[in-house]
Amino acid sequence: MSEPNTIKKILKTLPKPVVANLRFFIVMFAVGLISVIFVHHGKRHVSIFELFFEVYLLCLVVHLLPRLLRNAVKAMNYVLAYLLGMIDIDQMLVFLGGISTKFYREEDNPLSGSYDRGRKRMIKDGVDYDVIRTEKK
């Protein structure tokens, strides 16, 4: 096989995981994009290209799985991405929905002028997520 034909074959094969899982790719990329825009990531900058590559790799792995397992993995990713997204942007959603609640805090809303980008992200029992993440590095 000549070199130009090999390159053409590779270029035809590269988009197959995305095309086969297009809806999954779009949803995962959109959730990641919302997270990149609205969620504080510390000093680390997350690029759109990095996000695209990670979602592409996820689609590639899903594409290689048998159909039944593929659907289960997609469903788990949808649920996980949705739940994590809601945890990170809950204050913004309450604000946009016009809901009045005693749990709403202006400094936790990414759209407010008093949003605290350096706030602690607390998880169960008062543990700071950023401290745990730093300790593991």
C-alpha atoms as a PDB file:
ATOM      1  CA  MET A   1       0.000   0.000   0.000  1.00  0.00           C
ATOM      2  CA  SER A   2       1.373   3.400  -0.909  1.00  0.00           C
ATOM      3  CA  GLU A   3       1.858   6.137   1.632  1.00  0.00           C
ATOM      4  CA  PRO A   4      -0.901   8.522   0.383  1.00  0.00           C
ATOM      5  CA  ASN A   5      -3.458   5.689   0.505  1.00  0.00           C
ATOM      6  CA  THR A   6      -2.437   4.852   4.072  1.00  0.00           C
ATOM      7  CA  ILE A   7      -2.864   8.476   5.127  1.00  0.00           C
ATOM      8  CA  LYS A   8      -6.285   8.622   3.435  1.00  0.00           C
ATOM      9  CA  LYS A   9      -7.314   5.433   5.202  1.00  0.00           C
ATOM     10  CA  ILE A  10      -6.200   6.814   8.581  1.00  0.00           C
ATOM     11  CA  LEU A  11      -8.016  10.107   7.960  1.00  0.00           C
ATOM     12  CA  LYS A  12     -11.206   8.203   7.064  1.00  0.00           C
ATOM     13  CA  THR A  13     -10.928   6.113  10.249  1.00  0.00           C
ATOM     14  CA  LEU A  14     -10.251   8.934  12.748  1.00  0.00           C
ATOM     15  CA  PRO A  15     -13.779  10.415  12.887  1.00  0.00           C
ATOM     16  CA  LYS A  16     -15.551   7.032  13.131  1.00  0.00           C
ATOM     17  CA  PRO A  17     -15.767   6.939  16.973  1.00  0.00           C
ATOM     18  CA  VAL A  18     -17.309  10.417  17.021  1.00  0.00           C
ATOM     19  CA  VAL A  19     -19.695   9.766  14.124  1.00  0.00           C
ATOM     20  CA  ALA A  20     -20.855   6.468  15.654  1.00  0.00           C
ATOM     21  CA  ASN A  21     -21.463   8.151  19.032  1.00  0.00           C
ATOM     22  CA  LEU A  22     -22.319  11.671  17.875  1.00  0.00           C
ATOM     23  CA  ARG A  23     -25.072  12.400  20.404  1.00  0.00           C
ATOM     24  CA  PHE A  24     -22.871  11.108  23.240  1.00  0.00           C
ATOM     25  CA  PHE A  25     -19.944  13.221  22.005  1.00  0.00           C
ATOM     26  CA  ILE A  26     -22.054  16.395  21.804  1.00  0.00           C
ATOM     27  CA  VAL A  27     -23.573  15.949  25.267  1.00  0.00           C
ATOM     28  CA  MET A  28     -20.249  15.133  26.945  1.00  0.00           C
ATOM     29  CA  PHE A  29     -18.504  18.009  25.177  1.00  0.00           C
ATOM     30  CA  ALA A  30     -21.297  20.439  26.135  1.00  0.00           C
ATOM     31  CA  VAL A  31     -21.200  19.382  29.804  1.00  0.00           C
ATOM     32  CA  GLY A  32     -17.405  19.706  29.789  1.00  0.00           C
ATOM     33  CA  LEU A  33     -17.615  23.092  28.114  1.00  0.00           C
ATOM     34  CA  ILE A  34     -20.079  24.376  30.705  1.00  0.00           C
ATOM     35  CA  SER A  35     -17.758  23.136  33.420  1.00  0.00           C
ATOM     36  CA  VAL A  36     -14.731  24.818  31.820  1.00  0.00           C
ATOM     37  CA  ILE A  37     -16.590  28.122  31.561  1.00  0.00           C
ATOM     38  CA  PHE A  38     -18.359  28.266  34.936  1.00  0.00           C
ATOM     39  CA  VAL A  39     -16.382  26.136  37.396  1.00  0.00           C
ATOM     40  CA  HIS A  40     -13.237  27.254  39.196  1.00  0.00           C
ATOM     41  CA  HIS A  41     -10.314  24.943  38.360  1.00  0.00           C
ATOM     42  CA  GLY A  42      -7.678  26.550  40.543  1.00  0.00           C
ATOM     43  CA  LYS A  43      -4.548  27.706  38.724  1.00  0.00           C
ATOM     44  CA  ARG A  44      -4.884  25.016  36.062  1.00  0.00           C
ATOM     45  CA  HIS A  45      -6.308  26.225  32.757  1.00  0.00           C
ATOM     46  CA  VAL A  46      -8.409  23.684  30.869  1.00  0.00           C
ATOM     47  CA  SER A  47      -8.292  24.247  27.131  1.00  0.00           C
ATOM     48  CA  ILE A  48     -11.039  23.458  24.653  1.00  0.00           C
ATOM     49  CA  PHE A  49      -8.593  21.310  22.683  1.00  0.00           C
ATOM     50  CA  GLU A  50      -7.790  19.245  25.760  1.00  0.00           C
ATOM     51  CA  LEU A  51     -11.499  18.800  26.409  1.00  0.00           C
ATOM     52  CA  PHE A  52     -12.075  17.778  22.767  1.00  0.00           C
ATOM     53  CA  PHE A  53      -9.251  15.222  22.942  1.00  0.00           C
ATOM     54  CA  GLU A  54     -10.525  13.739  26.217  1.00  0.00           C
ATOM     55  CA  VAL A  55     -14.080  13.409  24.911  1.00  0.00           C
ATOM     56  CA  TYR A  56     -12.711  11.916  21.666  1.00  0.00           C
ATOM     57  CA  LEU A  57     -10.769   9.303  23.661  1.00  0.00           C
ATOM     58  CA  LEU A  58     -13.895   8.513  25.675  1.00  0.00           C
ATOM     59  CA  CYS A  59     -15.822   8.011  22.410  1.00  0.00           C
ATOM     60  CA  LEU A  60     -13.020   5.799  21.094  1.00  0.00           C
ATOM     61  CA  VAL A  61     -13.153   3.573  24.177  1.00  0.00           C
ATOM     62  CA  VAL A  62     -16.954   3.420  24.007  1.00  0.00           C
ATOM     63  CA  HIS A  63     -16.772   2.626  20.278  1.00  0.00           C
ATOM     64  CA  LEU A  64     -14.530  -0.380  20.944  1.00  0.00           C
ATOM     65  CA  LEU A  65     -16.923  -1.908  23.496  1.00  0.00           C
ATOM     66  CA  PRO A  66     -19.660  -4.427  22.620  1.00  0.00           C
ATOM     67  CA  ARG A  67     -23.058  -2.780  21.990  1.00  0.00           C
ATOM     68  CA  LEU A  68     -24.708  -3.775  25.291  1.00  0.00           C
ATOM     69  CA  LEU A  69     -21.729  -2.669  27.369  1.00  0.00           C
ATOM     70  CA  ARG A  70     -21.392   0.468  25.220  1.00  0.00           C
ATOM     71  CA  ASN A  71     -24.939   1.555  26.071  1.00  0.00           C
ATOM     72  CA  ALA A  72     -24.390   0.890  29.786  1.00  0.00           C
ATOM     73  CA  VAL A  73     -21.156   2.918  29.807  1.00  0.00           C
ATOM     74  CA  LYS A  74     -22.856   5.782  27.966  1.00  0.00           C
ATOM     75  CA  ALA A  75     -25.745   5.782  30.437  1.00  0.00           C
ATOM     76  CA  MET A  76     -23.367   5.840  33.413  1.00  0.00           C
ATOM     77  CA  ASN A  77     -21.433   8.736  31.869  1.00  0.00           C
ATOM     78  CA  TYR A  78     -24.618  10.699  31.196  1.00  0.00           C
ATOM     79  CA  VAL A  79     -25.770  10.296  34.802  1.00  0.00           C
ATOM     80  CA  LEU A  80     -22.338  10.995  36.281  1.00  0.00           C
ATOM     81  CA  ALA A  81     -21.712  14.071  34.124  1.00  0.00           C
ATOM     82  CA  TYR A  82     -25.174  15.432  34.878  1.00  0.00           C
ATOM     83  CA  LEU A  83     -24.850  14.908  38.632  1.00  0.00           C
ATOM     84  CA  LEU A  84     -21.364  16.403  38.823  1.00  0.00           C
ATOM     85  CA  GLY A  85     -22.458  19.319  36.682  1.00  0.00           C
ATOM     86  CA  MET A  86     -25.440  20.001  38.907  1.00  0.00           C
ATOM     87  CA  ILE A  87     -23.253  19.890  42.019  1.00  0.00           C
ATOM     88  CA  ASP A  88     -20.885  22.462  40.560  1.00  0.00           C
ATOM     89  CA  ILE A  89     -23.439  24.875  39.128  1.00  0.00           C
ATOM     90  CA  ASP A  90     -26.428  24.472  41.443  1.00  0.00           C
ATOM     91  CA  GLN A  91     -26.317  28.072  42.709  1.00  0.00           C
ATOM     92  CA  MET A  92     -26.297  29.426  39.169  1.00  0.00           C
ATOM     93  CA  LEU A  93     -29.308  27.288  38.235  1.00  0.00           C
ATOM     94  CA  VAL A  94     -31.261  28.459  41.283  1.00  0.00           C
ATOM     95  CA  PHE A  95     -30.470  32.058  40.318  1.00  0.00           C
ATOM     96  CA  LEU A  96     -31.464  31.564  36.655  1.00  0.00           C
ATOM     97  CA  GLY A  97     -34.648  29.770  37.647  1.00  0.00           C
ATOM     98  CA  GLY A  98     -35.670  32.648  39.889  1.00  0.00           C
ATOM     99  CA  ILE A  99     -36.087  30.281  42.815  1.00  0.00           C
ATOM    100  CA  SER A 100     -36.013  31.750  46.309  1.00  0.00           C
ATOM    101  CA  THR A 101     -34.440  29.422  48.860  1.00  0.00           C
ATOM    102  CA  LYS A 102     -32.595  29.765  52.153  1.00  0.00           C
ATOM    103  CA  PHE A 103     -29.710  27.724  50.698  1.00  0.00           C
ATOM    104  CA  TYR A 104     -28.920  30.258  47.943  1.00  0.00           C
ATOM    105  CA  ARG A 105     -25.637  32.070  48.513  1.00  0.00           C
ATOM    106  CA  GLU A 106     -24.676  34.943  46.234  1.00  0.00           C
ATOM    107  CA  GLU A 107     -20.937  34.219  46.591  1.00  0.00           C
ATOM    108  CA  ASP A 108     -21.417  30.685  45.182  1.00  0.00           C
ATOM    109  CA  ASN A 109     -23.212  31.860  42.023  1.00  0.00           C
ATOM    110  CA  PRO A 110     -20.772  32.159  39.068  1.00  0.00           C
ATOM    111  CA  LEU A 111     -23.002  34.811  37.457  1.00  0.00           C
ATOM    112  CA  SER A 112     -23.121  37.169  40.430  1.00  0.00           C
ATOM    113  CA  GLY A 113     -20.775  40.062  40.999  1.00  0.00           C
ATOM    114  CA  SER A 114     -19.795  38.744  44.425  1.00  0.00           C
ATOM    115  CA  TYR A 115     -18.825  35.231  43.220  1.00  0.00           C
ATOM    116  CA  ASP A 116     -15.849  33.899  45.176  1.00  0.00           C
ATOM    117  CA  ARG A 117     -13.602  31.987  42.729  1.00  0.00           C
ATOM    118  CA  GLY A 118     -11.314  30.925  45.559  1.00  0.00           C
ATOM    119  CA  ARG A 119     -14.080  29.462  47.751  1.00  0.00           C
ATOM    120  CA  LYS A 120     -13.568  26.093  49.369  1.00  0.00           C
ATOM    121  CA  ARG A 121     -15.343  23.219  47.659  1.00  0.00           C
ATOM    122  CA  MET A 122     -16.571  21.210  50.599  1.00  0.00           C
ATOM    123  CA  ILE A 123     -17.590  17.587  50.381  1.00  0.00           C
ATOM    124  CA  LYS A 124     -19.024  15.238  52.990  1.00  0.00           C
ATOM    125  CA  ASP A 125     -18.107  15.888  56.650  1.00  0.00           C
ATOM    126  CA  GLY A 126     -16.517  19.277  55.950  1.00  0.00           C
ATOM    127  CA  VAL A 127     -13.586  17.982  53.882  1.00  0.00           C
ATOM    128  CA  ASP A 128     -12.164  20.455  51.349  1.00  0.00           C
ATOM    129  CA  TYR A 129     -11.964  18.882  47.874  1.00  0.00           C
ATOM    130  CA  ASP A 130      -9.040  21.086  46.771  1.00  0.00           C
ATOM    131  CA  VAL A 131      -6.964  20.009  49.803  1.00  0.00           C
ATOM    132  CA  ILE A 132      -7.522  16.332  49.017  1.00  0.00           C
ATOM    133  CA  ARG A 133      -6.682  16.875  45.340  1.00  0.00           C
ATOM    134  CA  THR A 134      -3.466  18.728  46.262  1.00  0.00           C
ATOM    135  CA  GLU A 135      -2.393  16.031  48.732  1.00  0.00           C
ATOM    136  CA  LYS A 136      -2.744  13.280  46.115  1.00  0.00           C
ATOM    137  CA  LYS A 137      -0.407  15.060  43.661  1.00  0.00           C
END
